[in-house]
Protein backbone atom coordinates (compact mmCIF):
# COMPACT_ATOMS: atom_id res chain seq x y z
CA MET A 1 -17.10 201.42 275.47
CA GLY A 2 -15.18 198.51 273.99
CA ARG A 3 -17.91 196.08 275.05
CA LEU A 4 -20.59 198.25 273.41
CA ILE A 5 -18.53 198.41 270.21
CA HIS A 6 -18.04 194.63 270.33
CA GLU A 7 -21.69 193.89 271.13
CA ARG A 8 -22.89 195.98 268.18
CA LYS A 9 -20.21 194.53 265.86
CA LEU A 10 -18.97 198.00 264.91
CA ASP A 11 -15.88 198.71 262.86
CA ILE A 12 -13.43 201.06 264.52
CA ALA A 13 -10.48 203.16 263.36
CA VAL A 14 -8.05 205.46 265.10
CA ALA A 15 -8.53 208.84 263.42
CA ARG A 16 -9.71 212.40 263.80
CA THR A 17 -12.10 214.53 261.80
CA ASP A 18 -10.94 217.72 260.11
CA PHE A 19 -14.07 219.76 259.43
CA VAL A 20 -14.34 221.40 256.02
CA ASP A 21 -16.31 224.59 256.58
CA CYS A 22 -16.13 225.22 260.30
CA ASP A 23 -15.58 223.44 263.59
CA PRO A 24 -18.90 222.39 265.21
CA GLY A 25 -17.54 223.61 268.56
CA ALA A 26 -17.31 227.20 267.31
CA TRP A 27 -20.18 229.41 268.43
CA ASN A 28 -20.87 230.68 264.90
CA CYS A 29 -20.64 227.33 263.09
CA LEU A 30 -23.97 226.07 261.80
CA ALA A 31 -24.53 222.69 260.17
CA LYS A 32 -25.49 222.81 256.51
CA GLU A 33 -28.53 220.66 255.78
CA GLY A 34 -28.28 219.16 259.26
CA ALA A 35 -24.72 217.83 258.93
CA TYR A 36 -21.17 219.02 259.30
CA ALA A 37 -18.80 218.15 256.46
CA GLY A 38 -15.46 216.71 257.39
CA LEU A 39 -12.67 214.37 256.43
CA SER A 40 -11.44 211.52 258.61
CA ILE A 41 -7.67 211.29 258.70
CA ASP A 42 -5.18 209.33 260.75
CA ALA A 43 -2.15 211.64 260.48
CA GLY A 44 -1.00 212.94 263.83
CA VAL A 45 -3.57 210.96 265.82
CA GLU A 46 -2.59 209.49 269.17
CA CYS A 47 -4.40 206.64 270.89
CA ASP A 48 -3.21 205.59 274.34
CA SER A 49 -3.99 202.56 276.50
CA ALA A 50 -7.70 203.15 277.25
CA CYS A 51 -8.21 203.95 273.57
CA ALA A 52 -6.45 200.71 272.60
CA LEU A 53 -8.87 198.78 274.79
CA MET A 54 -11.79 200.34 272.90
CA VAL A 55 -10.13 199.47 269.58
CA ALA A 56 -9.93 195.85 270.79
CA GLY A 57 -13.75 195.70 270.78
CA GLY A 58 -14.17 196.45 267.07
CA ALA A 59 -15.18 193.99 264.38
CA ARG A 60 -12.68 195.53 261.96
CA ARG A 61 -9.93 197.32 263.87
CA LEU A 62 -7.89 199.80 261.84
CA VAL A 63 -4.89 201.84 262.89
CA GLY A 64 -3.34 203.49 259.85
CA PRO A 65 0.40 203.87 259.38
CA ARG A 66 0.33 207.57 260.33
CA ALA A 67 -1.58 207.07 263.59
CA ARG A 68 0.17 206.37 266.88
CA LEU A 69 -1.07 203.77 269.31
CA SER A 70 0.71 203.53 272.65
CA LEU A 71 0.35 201.14 275.55
CA TYR A 72 1.69 201.15 279.06
CA PRO A 73 1.49 198.71 281.97
CA MET A 74 -1.99 198.95 283.44
CA GLY A 75 -3.40 198.17 286.85
CA GLN A 76 -6.05 195.51 287.35
CA LYS A 77 -4.11 193.05 285.22
CA LEU A 78 -6.59 190.20 285.61
CA VAL A 79 -9.46 192.46 284.49
CA VAL A 80 -7.52 193.66 281.42
CA LYS A 81 -6.50 190.10 280.52
CA ALA A 82 -10.09 188.84 280.88
CA TYR A 83 -11.39 191.75 278.76
CA LEU A 84 -8.88 191.05 275.95
CA ASP A 85 -9.86 187.37 276.05
CA GLU A 86 -13.53 188.38 275.83
CA MET A 87 -12.74 190.54 272.77
CA ALA A 88 -10.99 187.52 271.16
CA ILE A 89 -7.60 189.24 271.23
CA GLY A 90 -4.88 186.63 271.65
CA PRO A 91 -2.61 186.56 274.70
CA ALA A 92 0.31 188.11 272.79
CA LEU A 93 -1.07 191.65 273.27
CA PHE A 94 -1.36 191.20 277.03
CA ALA A 95 2.16 189.76 277.09
CA ALA A 96 3.42 192.81 275.17
CA ILE A 97 1.78 195.12 277.71
CA GLU A 98 3.31 193.16 280.58
CA ARG A 99 6.83 193.41 279.12
CA ARG A 100 6.75 197.20 279.11
CA SER A 101 8.01 199.22 282.03
CA THR A 102 7.02 202.54 280.46
CA GLU A 103 4.56 203.72 277.83
CA GLY A 104 5.58 202.69 274.34
CA GLN A 105 4.24 202.93 270.82
CA LEU A 106 3.24 199.78 268.98
CA ASP A 107 4.32 199.51 265.37
CA PRO A 108 1.73 198.43 262.74
CA ASP A 109 3.29 194.99 262.23
CA MET A 110 3.16 194.21 265.93
CA MET A 111 -0.46 195.38 266.18
CA ARG A 112 -1.41 192.90 263.43
CA ARG A 113 0.76 190.14 264.85
CA VAL A 114 -0.82 190.33 268.34
CA GLY A 115 -4.34 190.65 266.87
CA LEU A 116 -5.13 194.21 267.91
CA THR A 117 -5.67 195.33 264.32
CA THR A 118 -7.33 193.33 261.58
CA GLY A 119 -5.42 194.86 258.70
CA PRO A 120 -3.03 197.59 257.60
CA GLN A 121 -5.71 199.92 256.24
CA SER A 122 -6.26 203.44 257.47
CA VAL A 123 -9.55 205.08 258.34
CA ASP A 124 -10.15 205.56 254.57
CA ALA A 125 -11.27 201.92 254.43
CA LEU A 126 -14.29 202.94 256.54
CA THR A 127 -14.91 206.54 255.51
CA GLY A 128 -13.24 207.13 252.15
CA SER A 129 -15.24 208.30 249.16
CA THR A 130 -15.07 204.88 247.49
CA ILE A 131 -17.04 203.05 250.19
CA CYS A 132 -20.32 204.41 248.81
CA LYS A 133 -19.51 202.80 245.46
CA ALA A 134 -19.35 199.35 247.06
CA VAL A 135 -21.87 196.71 246.01
CA ALA A 136 -23.27 196.52 249.54
CA LYS A 137 -23.55 200.28 250.08
CA PRO A 138 -23.21 201.21 253.78
CA ASP A 139 -26.25 202.77 255.46
CA ASN A 140 -24.39 206.01 256.17
CA CYS A 141 -23.78 206.90 252.50
CA ARG A 142 -25.41 210.12 251.42
CA GLY A 143 -26.16 210.57 247.76
CA LEU A 144 -25.11 213.78 246.12
CA PRO A 145 -27.63 215.31 243.73
CA ALA A 146 -26.74 215.12 240.07
CA ALA A 147 -25.43 218.33 238.53
CA ASN A 148 -28.59 218.71 236.46
CA ALA A 149 -31.04 217.51 239.14
CA GLN A 150 -32.63 220.94 239.58
CA ALA A 151 -33.08 221.39 235.84
CA ASP A 152 -34.78 217.98 235.59
CA ALA A 153 -37.04 218.54 238.60
CA PRO A 154 -40.64 219.49 237.96
CA ALA A 155 -41.47 223.15 238.47
CA LYS A 156 -42.82 224.03 241.93
CA LEU A 157 -46.07 225.91 242.04
């Protein structure tokens, strides 16, 4: 997954989606206008070692201050080291993994220092309401109809 993320130059954040109306997994939850409404948040989110390797593939890699990212010593050390090199993550992250004898959480400063994250922002930097007001509007922005759009629309026959 990390290689696909890297190859497509995707931004990535550690977060979860809290759905507004209903959970898409519920049998009686139907999408409104073809989409489920939700908010991306990083509070209470946990990302463990395999997740961290996917994060390493992102163009922008965000782990907000309320998300937890944990690493533990992994098998196939040469494969993991080669992968992190391929993702342009410096050797300090691999060294941090190697120093651990048990799973441990990385603090935000360390994640930036070893190059796993590209900044201190949370998932809001990718999904917050202000991104659609940016000069280069992302492709996934959906415009909301103006309050008086129906009144201004021509009558349907």
